[in-house]
Amino acid sequence: MTTTTLVRLRHDEIHPDPDNLRQDVGDLTDLPASIAGVGLLQPMIVRQVDDKYILIAGVRRHTAIGRNIVDGVTDALDKFDCIKRAKVDDATSTASMIVENLHRSGLTPAEEYSGLMRLSAEHGWTTEQIATQTGIPLSTVKSRLSWAKLPPHCIASLMEGRWSVDAANMLSA
């Protein structure tokens, strides 16, 4: 079990993970106003890497707070509740990002593929480990990872949303 502690951090002390799976934060029309009105209802989740706090979960909240600071609604020196997870390596952070996004508004299949590939290729996780740790059905993990057999231009089409999951599955089978 990972040890957690509550820390209060300024927006500029929290750094988005450069390998964040979510490429699009979606519509943030109401979130900045909501945070300005009632505060941050759910803490962001961070891990400490050297002297930096890296965001694991809460990219949309972090972005909304940044907009509030730029718009002068929130003071740049305000601190926000964050849950700091201790001893979280890159693989665990990636798995956490996958799980957090799947159980909220969901990753696109291309973002999911990217995250699963990172767990497999960069961190050496087996398909069984990925399925167990993320809660994604083993058949889905195997299907997504089979897309690695596709030529680069096909992966690009998938990432750009020009290909469907069905097309990728058919061509990678």
C-alpha atoms as a PDB file:
ATOM      1  CA  MET A   1       0.000   0.000   0.000  1.00  0.00           C
ATOM      2  CA  THR A   2       1.303   3.448  -0.904  1.00  0.00           C
ATOM      3  CA  THR A   3       1.651   5.960   1.904  1.00  0.00           C
ATOM      4  CA  THR A   4      -0.209   9.214   1.338  1.00  0.00           C
ATOM      5  CA  THR A   5      -0.077  12.598   3.023  1.00  0.00           C
ATOM      6  CA  LEU A   6      -2.041  15.775   2.539  1.00  0.00           C
ATOM      7  CA  VAL A   7       0.087  18.689   1.341  1.00  0.00           C
ATOM      8  CA  ARG A   8      -0.912  22.227   0.387  1.00  0.00           C
ATOM      9  CA  LEU A   9       0.822  23.492  -2.747  1.00  0.00           C
ATOM     10  CA  ARG A  10       0.741  26.578  -4.940  1.00  0.00           C
ATOM     11  CA  HIS A  11      -0.247  26.066  -8.561  1.00  0.00           C
ATOM     12  CA  ASP A  12       3.317  26.758  -9.724  1.00  0.00           C
ATOM     13  CA  GLU A  13       4.709  24.067  -7.400  1.00  0.00           C
ATOM     14  CA  ILE A  14       2.700  21.395  -9.219  1.00  0.00           C
ATOM     15  CA  HIS A  15       4.100  20.230 -12.544  1.00  0.00           C
ATOM     16  CA  PRO A  16       2.027  18.330 -15.092  1.00  0.00           C
ATOM     17  CA  ASP A  17       3.539  14.960 -15.964  1.00  0.00           C
ATOM     18  CA  PRO A  18       5.257  15.402 -19.340  1.00  0.00           C
ATOM     19  CA  ASP A  19       4.048  11.903 -20.220  1.00  0.00           C
ATOM     20  CA  ASN A  20       0.434  12.540 -19.230  1.00  0.00           C
ATOM     21  CA  LEU A  21      -1.863  10.285 -21.211  1.00  0.00           C
ATOM     22  CA  ARG A  22      -4.677  12.803 -21.554  1.00  0.00           C
ATOM     23  CA  GLN A  23      -3.906  14.948 -24.565  1.00  0.00           C
ATOM     24  CA  ASP A  24      -7.109  16.985 -24.421  1.00  0.00           C
ATOM     25  CA  VAL A  25      -8.474  18.373 -21.148  1.00  0.00           C
ATOM     26  CA  GLY A  26     -11.898  18.761 -22.740  1.00  0.00           C
ATOM     27  CA  ASP A  27     -14.403  21.501 -22.101  1.00  0.00           C
ATOM     28  CA  LEU A  28     -13.400  23.518 -19.051  1.00  0.00           C
ATOM     29  CA  THR A  29     -16.132  26.123 -19.405  1.00  0.00           C
ATOM     30  CA  ASP A  30     -17.624  25.656 -15.935  1.00  0.00           C
ATOM     31  CA  LEU A  31     -14.747  24.186 -13.928  1.00  0.00           C
ATOM     32  CA  PRO A  32     -12.748  27.409 -13.292  1.00  0.00           C
ATOM     33  CA  ALA A  33     -15.868  29.200 -12.056  1.00  0.00           C
ATOM     34  CA  SER A  34     -16.815  26.218  -9.904  1.00  0.00           C
ATOM     35  CA  ILE A  35     -13.387  26.131  -8.267  1.00  0.00           C
ATOM     36  CA  ALA A  36     -13.466  29.902  -7.754  1.00  0.00           C
ATOM     37  CA  GLY A  37     -16.936  29.672  -6.225  1.00  0.00           C
ATOM     38  CA  VAL A  38     -16.709  26.692  -3.877  1.00  0.00           C
ATOM     39  CA  GLY A  39     -13.017  25.794  -3.893  1.00  0.00           C
ATOM     40  CA  LEU A  40     -11.273  22.615  -4.889  1.00  0.00           C
ATOM     41  CA  LEU A  41     -13.627  19.832  -3.790  1.00  0.00           C
ATOM     42  CA  GLN A  42     -11.286  16.981  -4.667  1.00  0.00           C
ATOM     43  CA  PRO A  43      -7.537  17.213  -4.061  1.00  0.00           C
ATOM     44  CA  MET A  44      -5.109  16.719  -6.897  1.00  0.00           C
ATOM     45  CA  ILE A  45      -2.813  13.692  -6.566  1.00  0.00           C
ATOM     46  CA  VAL A  46       0.926  14.259  -6.845  1.00  0.00           C
ATOM     47  CA  ARG A  47       4.188  12.421  -6.401  1.00  0.00           C
ATOM     48  CA  GLN A  48       7.511  13.940  -5.481  1.00  0.00           C
ATOM     49  CA  VAL A  49      10.383  13.456  -7.899  1.00  0.00           C
ATOM     50  CA  ASP A  50      13.543  15.047  -6.560  1.00  0.00           C
ATOM     51  CA  ASP A  51      12.416  18.537  -5.569  1.00  0.00           C
ATOM     52  CA  LYS A  52       9.346  18.672  -7.852  1.00  0.00           C
ATOM     53  CA  TYR A  53       5.731  17.671  -7.340  1.00  0.00           C
ATOM     54  CA  ILE A  54       4.484  15.849 -10.439  1.00  0.00           C
ATOM     55  CA  LEU A  55       0.764  15.573 -11.115  1.00  0.00           C
ATOM     56  CA  ILE A  56      -0.666  12.058 -11.245  1.00  0.00           C
ATOM     57  CA  ALA A  57      -4.369  12.959 -11.234  1.00  0.00           C
ATOM     58  CA  GLY A  58      -6.118  16.288 -11.569  1.00  0.00           C
ATOM     59  CA  VAL A  59      -4.917  17.743 -14.877  1.00  0.00           C
ATOM     60  CA  ARG A  60      -8.304  19.387 -15.535  1.00  0.00           C
ATOM     61  CA  ARG A  61      -8.398  20.899 -12.025  1.00  0.00           C
ATOM     62  CA  HIS A  62      -4.806  22.129 -12.355  1.00  0.00           C
ATOM     63  CA  THR A  63      -5.557  23.689 -15.752  1.00  0.00           C
ATOM     64  CA  ALA A  64      -8.714  25.368 -14.418  1.00  0.00           C
ATOM     65  CA  ILE A  65      -6.808  26.850 -11.464  1.00  0.00           C
ATOM     66  CA  GLY A  66      -4.177  28.134 -13.909  1.00  0.00           C
ATOM     67  CA  ARG A  67      -6.890  29.864 -15.926  1.00  0.00           C
ATOM     68  CA  ASN A  68      -8.264  31.440 -12.750  1.00  0.00           C
ATOM     69  CA  ILE A  69      -4.804  32.780 -11.915  1.00  0.00           C
ATOM     70  CA  VAL A  70      -4.350  34.226 -15.409  1.00  0.00           C
ATOM     71  CA  ASP A  71      -7.837  35.796 -15.224  1.00  0.00           C
ATOM     72  CA  GLY A  72      -7.058  37.325 -11.807  1.00  0.00           C
ATOM     73  CA  VAL A  73      -9.790  35.319 -10.083  1.00  0.00           C
ATOM     74  CA  THR A  74      -7.341  33.313  -7.968  1.00  0.00           C
ATOM     75  CA  ASP A  75      -4.168  34.598  -6.322  1.00  0.00           C
ATOM     76  CA  ALA A  76      -1.004  32.869  -7.573  1.00  0.00           C
ATOM     77  CA  LEU A  77       0.088  32.436  -3.945  1.00  0.00           C
ATOM     78  CA  ASP A  78      -3.041  30.486  -2.952  1.00  0.00           C
ATOM     79  CA  LYS A  79      -2.361  26.902  -1.925  1.00  0.00           C
ATOM     80  CA  PHE A  80      -4.467  23.890  -2.839  1.00  0.00           C
ATOM     81  CA  ASP A  81      -4.956  20.522  -1.194  1.00  0.00           C
ATOM     82  CA  CYS A  82      -3.008  17.712  -2.826  1.00  0.00           C
ATOM     83  CA  ILE A  83      -2.593  14.101  -1.849  1.00  0.00           C
ATOM     84  CA  LYS A  84       1.086  13.206  -2.053  1.00  0.00           C
ATOM     85  CA  ARG A  85       1.703   9.535  -2.799  1.00  0.00           C
ATOM     86  CA  ALA A  86       5.051   8.270  -1.555  1.00  0.00           C
ATOM     87  CA  LYS A  87       7.380   5.955  -3.435  1.00  0.00           C
ATOM     88  CA  VAL A  88       5.502   6.045  -6.734  1.00  0.00           C
ATOM     89  CA  ASP A  89       7.655   5.053  -9.697  1.00  0.00           C
ATOM     90  CA  ASP A  90       6.982   5.909 -13.353  1.00  0.00           C
ATOM     91  CA  ALA A  91       5.148   2.631 -14.025  1.00  0.00           C
ATOM     92  CA  THR A  92       2.820   3.043 -11.042  1.00  0.00           C
ATOM     93  CA  SER A  93       2.196   6.665 -12.003  1.00  0.00           C
ATOM     94  CA  THR A  94       1.267   5.632 -15.554  1.00  0.00           C
ATOM     95  CA  ALA A  95      -1.047   2.891 -14.268  1.00  0.00           C
ATOM     96  CA  SER A  96      -2.674   5.394 -11.887  1.00  0.00           C
ATOM     97  CA  MET A  97      -3.262   7.851 -14.755  1.00  0.00           C
ATOM     98  CA  ILE A  98      -4.894   5.121 -16.836  1.00  0.00           C
ATOM     99  CA  VAL A  99      -7.194   4.033 -14.018  1.00  0.00           C
ATOM    100  CA  GLU A 100      -8.117   7.597 -13.003  1.00  0.00           C
ATOM    101  CA  ASN A 101      -9.062   8.543 -16.540  1.00  0.00           C
ATOM    102  CA  LEU A 102     -10.872   5.322 -17.405  1.00  0.00           C
ATOM    103  CA  HIS A 103     -13.140   5.668 -14.416  1.00  0.00           C
ATOM    104  CA  ARG A 104     -13.944   9.314 -15.077  1.00  0.00           C
ATOM    105  CA  SER A 105     -14.554  10.632 -18.542  1.00  0.00           C
ATOM    106  CA  GLY A 106     -12.428   7.961 -20.172  1.00  0.00           C
ATOM    107  CA  LEU A 107      -9.373   8.000 -22.326  1.00  0.00           C
ATOM    108  CA  THR A 108      -9.664   7.802 -26.065  1.00  0.00           C
ATOM    109  CA  PRO A 109      -8.651   4.379 -27.390  1.00  0.00           C
ATOM    110  CA  ALA A 110      -5.470   5.987 -28.774  1.00  0.00           C
ATOM    111  CA  GLU A 111      -4.566   7.455 -25.357  1.00  0.00           C
ATOM    112  CA  GLU A 112      -5.319   4.083 -23.764  1.00  0.00           C
ATOM    113  CA  TYR A 113      -3.061   2.333 -26.304  1.00  0.00           C
ATOM    114  CA  SER A 114      -0.276   4.822 -25.581  1.00  0.00           C
ATOM    115  CA  GLY A 115      -0.469   4.217 -21.836  1.00  0.00           C
ATOM    116  CA  LEU A 116      -0.657   0.442 -22.134  1.00  0.00           C
ATOM    117  CA  MET A 117       2.330   0.447 -24.494  1.00  0.00           C
ATOM    118  CA  ARG A 118       4.327   2.475 -21.977  1.00  0.00           C
ATOM    119  CA  LEU A 119       3.548  -0.026 -19.228  1.00  0.00           C
ATOM    120  CA  SER A 120       4.518  -2.906 -21.514  1.00  0.00           C
ATOM    121  CA  ALA A 121       7.502  -1.529 -23.432  1.00  0.00           C
ATOM    122  CA  GLU A 122       9.068   0.913 -20.976  1.00  0.00           C
ATOM    123  CA  HIS A 123       8.260  -0.822 -17.706  1.00  0.00           C
ATOM    124  CA  GLY A 124       8.170  -4.473 -18.793  1.00  0.00           C
ATOM    125  CA  TRP A 125       4.701  -5.234 -17.443  1.00  0.00           C
ATOM    126  CA  THR A 126       2.974  -8.341 -18.787  1.00  0.00           C
ATOM    127  CA  THR A 127      -0.542  -8.161 -20.170  1.00  0.00           C
ATOM    128  CA  GLU A 128      -1.734  -9.941 -17.028  1.00  0.00           C
ATOM    129  CA  GLN A 129      -0.022  -7.370 -14.767  1.00  0.00           C
ATOM    130  CA  ILE A 130      -1.548  -4.509 -16.744  1.00  0.00           C
ATOM    131  CA  ALA A 131      -5.027  -6.019 -16.544  1.00  0.00           C
ATOM    132  CA  THR A 132      -4.725  -6.740 -12.817  1.00  0.00           C
ATOM    133  CA  GLN A 133      -3.270  -3.364 -11.874  1.00  0.00           C
ATOM    134  CA  THR A 134      -5.572  -1.206 -14.041  1.00  0.00           C
ATOM    135  CA  GLY A 135      -8.809  -3.189 -13.935  1.00  0.00           C
ATOM    136  CA  ILE A 136      -8.946  -3.254 -17.741  1.00  0.00           C
ATOM    137  CA  PRO A 137     -10.190  -6.625 -19.043  1.00  0.00           C
ATOM    138  CA  LEU A 138      -7.319  -8.829 -20.232  1.00  0.00           C
ATOM    139  CA  SER A 139      -8.932  -9.189 -23.666  1.00  0.00           C
ATOM    140  CA  THR A 140      -8.975  -5.397 -24.082  1.00  0.00           C
ATOM    141  CA  VAL A 141      -5.339  -5.089 -22.979  1.00  0.00           C
ATOM    142  CA  LYS A 142      -4.295  -7.759 -25.492  1.00  0.00           C
ATOM    143  CA  SER A 143      -6.373  -6.161 -28.240  1.00  0.00           C
ATOM    144  CA  ARG A 144      -4.930  -2.673 -27.642  1.00  0.00           C
ATOM    145  CA  LEU A 145      -1.356  -3.948 -27.432  1.00  0.00           C
ATOM    146  CA  SER A 146      -1.799  -5.855 -30.702  1.00  0.00           C
ATOM    147  CA  TRP A 147      -2.024  -2.459 -32.414  1.00  0.00           C
ATOM    148  CA  ALA A 148       1.764  -2.240 -32.026  1.00  0.00           C
ATOM    149  CA  LYS A 149       1.938  -4.548 -35.069  1.00  0.00           C
ATOM    150  CA  LEU A 150       0.403  -1.816 -37.227  1.00  0.00           C
ATOM    151  CA  PRO A 151       2.639   0.338 -39.448  1.00  0.00           C
ATOM    152  CA  PRO A 152       3.429   3.833 -38.065  1.00  0.00           C
ATOM    153  CA  HIS A 153       1.076   5.603 -40.505  1.00  0.00           C
ATOM    154  CA  CYS A 154      -1.797   3.426 -39.251  1.00  0.00           C
ATOM    155  CA  ILE A 155      -0.970   4.251 -35.609  1.00  0.00           C
ATOM    156  CA  ALA A 156      -0.932   7.936 -36.599  1.00  0.00           C
ATOM    157  CA  SER A 157      -4.396   7.574 -38.169  1.00  0.00           C
ATOM    158  CA  LEU A 158      -5.655   5.968 -34.980  1.00  0.00           C
ATOM    159  CA  MET A 159      -4.121   8.719 -32.808  1.00  0.00           C
ATOM    160  CA  GLU A 160      -5.661  11.408 -34.984  1.00  0.00           C
ATOM    161  CA  GLY A 161      -9.096   9.808 -34.699  1.00  0.00           C
ATOM    162  CA  ARG A 162      -9.325   8.969 -38.402  1.00  0.00           C
ATOM    163  CA  TRP A 163      -9.461   5.246 -37.631  1.00  0.00           C
ATOM    164  CA  SER A 164     -11.938   3.419 -35.465  1.00  0.00           C
ATOM    165  CA  VAL A 165     -11.123   0.827 -32.833  1.00  0.00           C
ATOM    166  CA  ASP A 166     -12.760  -1.803 -35.049  1.00  0.00           C
ATOM    167  CA  ALA A 167     -10.506  -0.926 -37.990  1.00  0.00           C
ATOM    168  CA  ALA A 168      -7.380  -1.106 -35.816  1.00  0.00           C
ATOM    169  CA  ASN A 169      -8.511  -4.426 -34.332  1.00  0.00           C
ATOM    170  CA  MET A 170      -9.220  -5.930 -37.760  1.00  0.00           C
ATOM    171  CA  LEU A 171      -5.870  -4.905 -39.211  1.00  0.00           C
ATOM    172  CA  SER A 172      -3.843  -5.977 -36.191  1.00  0.00           C
ATOM    173  CA  ALA A 173      -5.490  -9.393 -35.799  1.00  0.00           C
END
